[in-house]
Amino acid sequence: MSLDKEEIGKHLSKWQNVLRLRDWDITVKIVKTAWRKSGDVKIDLEDKKAVLLINQNPKTCDNIEELVIHELLHLKLYGMDQMIENLLVAVFGEKENDLRREFACTQFMVLLESTVEDLTKGYLTAAGNQKALSFGRLQGEIDKELQPR
């Protein structure tokens, strides 16, 4: 997939409006160095500013609109995300080798990511996006599994 900054901006504008994030200042930064993620969002909740980081060569995403929606949904859910992370610290402390804390954090992250993915797919469907969903992460696991030994 080749990135078109104009296309990213078009999707950002559309979905910022749909997701009622119009009062946020959001910019896009294309990541040109080696990076393991397809995208990410960095957030300043107090100033309502965010930066969408988009990998120039995303390994796990073939649909840029899907990627933009996914990261904007993380922005939309950020307040709850931070509240739950703080609750986990309050309950389990900050010792990273605590198995109970590790379990709770892992379960939370899995639930957060699967919820964001489900919502992303729903928004794409509602918008009539006919592009195939990205199976990049899963395809990577399949390729690794089927690699000749």
C-alpha atoms as a PDB file:
ATOM      1  CA  MET A   1       0.000   0.000   0.000  1.00  0.00           C
ATOM      2  CA  SER A   2       1.386   3.416  -0.887  1.00  0.00           C
ATOM      3  CA  LEU A   3       0.452   6.265   1.392  1.00  0.00           C
ATOM      4  CA  ASP A   4      -1.235   9.363   0.037  1.00  0.00           C
ATOM      5  CA  LYS A   5      -1.226  12.132   2.661  1.00  0.00           C
ATOM      6  CA  GLU A   6      -4.198  13.776   0.945  1.00  0.00           C
ATOM      7  CA  GLU A   7      -6.214  10.544   1.220  1.00  0.00           C
ATOM      8  CA  ILE A   8      -5.268  10.218   4.903  1.00  0.00           C
ATOM      9  CA  GLY A   9      -6.388  13.829   5.465  1.00  0.00           C
ATOM     10  CA  LYS A  10      -9.701  13.142   3.726  1.00  0.00           C
ATOM     11  CA  HIS A  11     -10.371  10.126   5.946  1.00  0.00           C
ATOM     12  CA  LEU A  12      -9.252  12.019   9.050  1.00  0.00           C
ATOM     13  CA  SER A  13     -11.611  14.894   8.322  1.00  0.00           C
ATOM     14  CA  LYS A  14     -14.553  12.597   7.594  1.00  0.00           C
ATOM     15  CA  TRP A  15     -14.129  10.354  10.628  1.00  0.00           C
ATOM     16  CA  GLN A  16     -13.200  13.151  13.015  1.00  0.00           C
ATOM     17  CA  ASN A  17     -16.625  14.574  12.180  1.00  0.00           C
ATOM     18  CA  VAL A  18     -18.498  11.245  12.379  1.00  0.00           C
ATOM     19  CA  LEU A  19     -16.901  10.323  15.717  1.00  0.00           C
ATOM     20  CA  ARG A  20     -17.671  13.774  17.152  1.00  0.00           C
ATOM     21  CA  LEU A  21     -14.013  14.679  17.587  1.00  0.00           C
ATOM     22  CA  ARG A  22     -14.370  18.050  15.824  1.00  0.00           C
ATOM     23  CA  ASP A  23     -13.108  19.927  18.881  1.00  0.00           C
ATOM     24  CA  TRP A  24      -9.749  18.107  18.729  1.00  0.00           C
ATOM     25  CA  ASP A  25      -6.665  19.380  16.927  1.00  0.00           C
ATOM     26  CA  ILE A  26      -5.400  16.281  15.134  1.00  0.00           C
ATOM     27  CA  THR A  27      -2.418  16.059  12.839  1.00  0.00           C
ATOM     28  CA  VAL A  28      -0.823  13.199  10.917  1.00  0.00           C
ATOM     29  CA  LYS A  29       2.819  12.184  10.986  1.00  0.00           C
ATOM     30  CA  ILE A  30       4.098   9.619   8.507  1.00  0.00           C
ATOM     31  CA  VAL A  31       6.688   7.378  10.189  1.00  0.00           C
ATOM     32  CA  LYS A  32       9.490   6.715   7.718  1.00  0.00           C
ATOM     33  CA  THR A  33      11.811   4.718   9.973  1.00  0.00           C
ATOM     34  CA  ALA A  34      11.543   0.999  10.725  1.00  0.00           C
ATOM     35  CA  TRP A  35       8.585   0.552  13.065  1.00  0.00           C
ATOM     36  CA  ARG A  36       6.678  -2.543  14.188  1.00  0.00           C
ATOM     37  CA  LYS A  37       3.239  -0.857  14.189  1.00  0.00           C
ATOM     38  CA  SER A  38       0.944   0.156  11.349  1.00  0.00           C
ATOM     39  CA  GLY A  39      -0.330   3.117  13.315  1.00  0.00           C
ATOM     40  CA  ASP A  40      -0.645   4.703  16.717  1.00  0.00           C
ATOM     41  CA  VAL A  41      -2.065   7.822  18.315  1.00  0.00           C
ATOM     42  CA  LYS A  42      -0.360  10.110  20.818  1.00  0.00           C
ATOM     43  CA  ILE A  43      -2.787  12.106  22.925  1.00  0.00           C
ATOM     44  CA  ASP A  44      -2.780  15.245  25.064  1.00  0.00           C
ATOM     45  CA  LEU A  45      -6.176  14.975  26.760  1.00  0.00           C
ATOM     46  CA  GLU A  46      -5.982  18.342  28.535  1.00  0.00           C
ATOM     47  CA  ASP A  47      -5.255  20.350  25.375  1.00  0.00           C
ATOM     48  CA  LYS A  48      -7.376  18.104  23.136  1.00  0.00           C
ATOM     49  CA  LYS A  49      -4.499  17.543  20.727  1.00  0.00           C
ATOM     50  CA  ALA A  50      -3.507  14.301  19.051  1.00  0.00           C
ATOM     51  CA  VAL A  51      -1.016  13.058  16.506  1.00  0.00           C
ATOM     52  CA  LEU A  52      -1.847  10.073  14.316  1.00  0.00           C
ATOM     53  CA  LEU A  53       1.333   8.167  13.551  1.00  0.00           C
ATOM     54  CA  ILE A  54       1.014   6.203  10.312  1.00  0.00           C
ATOM     55  CA  ASN A  55       3.694   3.776   9.187  1.00  0.00           C
ATOM     56  CA  GLN A  56       4.956   4.565   5.702  1.00  0.00           C
ATOM     57  CA  ASN A  57       5.176   0.804   5.096  1.00  0.00           C
ATOM     58  CA  PRO A  58       2.408  -0.684   7.246  1.00  0.00           C
ATOM     59  CA  LYS A  59       2.913  -4.411   7.644  1.00  0.00           C
ATOM     60  CA  THR A  60      -0.523  -5.248   9.005  1.00  0.00           C
ATOM     61  CA  CYS A  61      -2.883  -2.858   7.207  1.00  0.00           C
ATOM     62  CA  ASP A  62      -3.961  -2.597   3.578  1.00  0.00           C
ATOM     63  CA  ASN A  63      -6.918  -0.247   4.151  1.00  0.00           C
ATOM     64  CA  ILE A  64      -5.900   3.281   5.181  1.00  0.00           C
ATOM     65  CA  GLU A  65      -9.461   4.281   6.096  1.00  0.00           C
ATOM     66  CA  GLU A  66      -9.630   1.313   8.463  1.00  0.00           C
ATOM     67  CA  LEU A  67      -6.357   2.410  10.073  1.00  0.00           C
ATOM     68  CA  VAL A  68      -7.539   6.014  10.533  1.00  0.00           C
ATOM     69  CA  ILE A  69     -10.848   4.926  12.096  1.00  0.00           C
ATOM     70  CA  HIS A  70      -9.055   2.470  14.395  1.00  0.00           C
ATOM     71  CA  GLU A  71      -6.673   5.120  15.740  1.00  0.00           C
ATOM     72  CA  LEU A  72      -9.450   7.721  16.112  1.00  0.00           C
ATOM     73  CA  LEU A  73     -11.471   5.212  18.142  1.00  0.00           C
ATOM     74  CA  HIS A  74      -8.485   4.852  20.475  1.00  0.00           C
ATOM     75  CA  LEU A  75      -8.638   8.634  20.854  1.00  0.00           C
ATOM     76  CA  LYS A  76     -12.383   8.491  21.524  1.00  0.00           C
ATOM     77  CA  LEU A  77     -11.910   5.822  24.220  1.00  0.00           C
ATOM     78  CA  TYR A  78      -8.721   7.300  25.715  1.00  0.00           C
ATOM     79  CA  GLY A  79     -10.336   8.700  28.871  1.00  0.00           C
ATOM     80  CA  MET A  80     -11.760   5.286  29.797  1.00  0.00           C
ATOM     81  CA  ASP A  81      -8.493   3.610  28.819  1.00  0.00           C
ATOM     82  CA  GLN A  82      -6.529   5.825  31.217  1.00  0.00           C
ATOM     83  CA  MET A  83      -9.094   5.409  33.999  1.00  0.00           C
ATOM     84  CA  ILE A  84      -8.867   1.611  33.806  1.00  0.00           C
ATOM     85  CA  GLU A  85      -5.065   1.649  33.624  1.00  0.00           C
ATOM     86  CA  ASN A  86      -4.975   3.844  36.760  1.00  0.00           C
ATOM     87  CA  LEU A  87      -7.442   1.516  38.470  1.00  0.00           C
ATOM     88  CA  LEU A  88      -5.204  -1.460  37.681  1.00  0.00           C
ATOM     89  CA  VAL A  89      -2.246   0.348  39.241  1.00  0.00           C
ATOM     90  CA  ALA A  90      -4.349   1.232  42.314  1.00  0.00           C
ATOM     91  CA  VAL A  91      -5.462  -2.395  42.738  1.00  0.00           C
ATOM     92  CA  PHE A  92      -2.279  -4.260  41.801  1.00  0.00           C
ATOM     93  CA  GLY A  93       0.478  -1.691  42.263  1.00  0.00           C
ATOM     94  CA  GLU A  94       3.258  -0.985  39.796  1.00  0.00           C
ATOM     95  CA  LYS A  95       5.321  -4.165  40.127  1.00  0.00           C
ATOM     96  CA  GLU A  96       5.563  -5.427  36.575  1.00  0.00           C
ATOM     97  CA  ASN A  97       6.443  -8.962  37.668  1.00  0.00           C
ATOM     98  CA  ASP A  98       3.161  -9.373  39.606  1.00  0.00           C
ATOM     99  CA  LEU A  99       1.317 -12.161  37.757  1.00  0.00           C
ATOM    100  CA  ARG A 100      -2.115 -10.886  38.839  1.00  0.00           C
ATOM    101  CA  ARG A 101      -1.338  -7.396  37.529  1.00  0.00           C
ATOM    102  CA  GLU A 102       0.091  -8.810  34.307  1.00  0.00           C
ATOM    103  CA  PHE A 103      -3.015 -10.959  33.811  1.00  0.00           C
ATOM    104  CA  ALA A 104      -5.394  -8.032  34.416  1.00  0.00           C
ATOM    105  CA  CYS A 105      -3.428  -5.702  32.124  1.00  0.00           C
ATOM    106  CA  THR A 106      -3.284  -8.295  29.346  1.00  0.00           C
ATOM    107  CA  GLN A 107      -7.012  -8.984  29.590  1.00  0.00           C
ATOM    108  CA  PHE A 108      -7.764  -5.261  29.483  1.00  0.00           C
ATOM    109  CA  MET A 109      -5.557  -4.672  26.432  1.00  0.00           C
ATOM    110  CA  VAL A 110      -7.048  -7.637  24.554  1.00  0.00           C
ATOM    111  CA  LEU A 111     -10.565  -6.416  25.327  1.00  0.00           C
ATOM    112  CA  LEU A 112      -9.703  -2.831  24.334  1.00  0.00           C
ATOM    113  CA  GLU A 113      -8.138  -3.852  21.015  1.00  0.00           C
ATOM    114  CA  SER A 114     -10.913  -6.295  20.100  1.00  0.00           C
ATOM    115  CA  THR A 115     -13.568  -3.674  20.942  1.00  0.00           C
ATOM    116  CA  VAL A 116     -11.810  -1.029  18.837  1.00  0.00           C
ATOM    117  CA  GLU A 117     -11.510  -3.517  15.955  1.00  0.00           C
ATOM    118  CA  ASP A 118     -15.209  -4.478  16.178  1.00  0.00           C
ATOM    119  CA  LEU A 119     -16.251  -0.825  16.196  1.00  0.00           C
ATOM    120  CA  THR A 120     -13.919  -0.083  13.274  1.00  0.00           C
ATOM    121  CA  LYS A 121     -15.475  -2.878  11.203  1.00  0.00           C
ATOM    122  CA  GLY A 122     -18.958  -1.653  12.095  1.00  0.00           C
ATOM    123  CA  TYR A 123     -18.197   1.912  11.032  1.00  0.00           C
ATOM    124  CA  LEU A 124     -16.630   0.723   7.780  1.00  0.00           C
ATOM    125  CA  THR A 125     -19.691  -1.385   7.020  1.00  0.00           C
ATOM    126  CA  ALA A 126     -22.098   1.442   7.882  1.00  0.00           C
ATOM    127  CA  ALA A 127     -20.132   3.797   5.619  1.00  0.00           C
ATOM    128  CA  GLY A 128     -20.326   1.335   2.735  1.00  0.00           C
ATOM    129  CA  ASN A 129     -16.574   0.812   2.545  1.00  0.00           C
ATOM    130  CA  GLN A 130     -16.162  -2.128   0.192  1.00  0.00           C
ATOM    131  CA  LYS A 131     -12.395  -2.545   0.596  1.00  0.00           C
ATOM    132  CA  ALA A 132     -11.226  -5.795   2.078  1.00  0.00           C
ATOM    133  CA  LEU A 133     -10.394  -5.751   5.764  1.00  0.00           C
ATOM    134  CA  SER A 134      -6.747  -6.016   6.700  1.00  0.00           C
ATOM    135  CA  PHE A 135      -5.581  -9.462   7.765  1.00  0.00           C
ATOM    136  CA  GLY A 136      -1.910  -8.468   7.914  1.00  0.00           C
ATOM    137  CA  ARG A 137      -1.218  -9.409  11.535  1.00  0.00           C
ATOM    138  CA  LEU A 138      -2.973 -12.744  11.155  1.00  0.00           C
ATOM    139  CA  GLN A 139      -1.314 -13.335   7.787  1.00  0.00           C
ATOM    140  CA  GLY A 140       2.076 -12.775   9.423  1.00  0.00           C
ATOM    141  CA  GLU A 141       1.306 -15.503  11.952  1.00  0.00           C
ATOM    142  CA  ILE A 142       0.165 -17.858   9.182  1.00  0.00           C
ATOM    143  CA  ASP A 143       3.289 -17.167   7.115  1.00  0.00           C
ATOM    144  CA  LYS A 144       5.472 -17.877  10.149  1.00  0.00           C
ATOM    145  CA  GLU A 145       3.576 -21.087  10.933  1.00  0.00           C
ATOM    146  CA  LEU A 146       3.808 -22.392   7.372  1.00  0.00           C
ATOM    147  CA  GLN A 147       7.420 -21.372   6.838  1.00  0.00           C
ATOM    148  CA  PRO A 148       9.528 -24.305   5.647  1.00  0.00           C
ATOM    149  CA  ARG A 149      11.935 -25.563   8.294  1.00  0.00           C
END
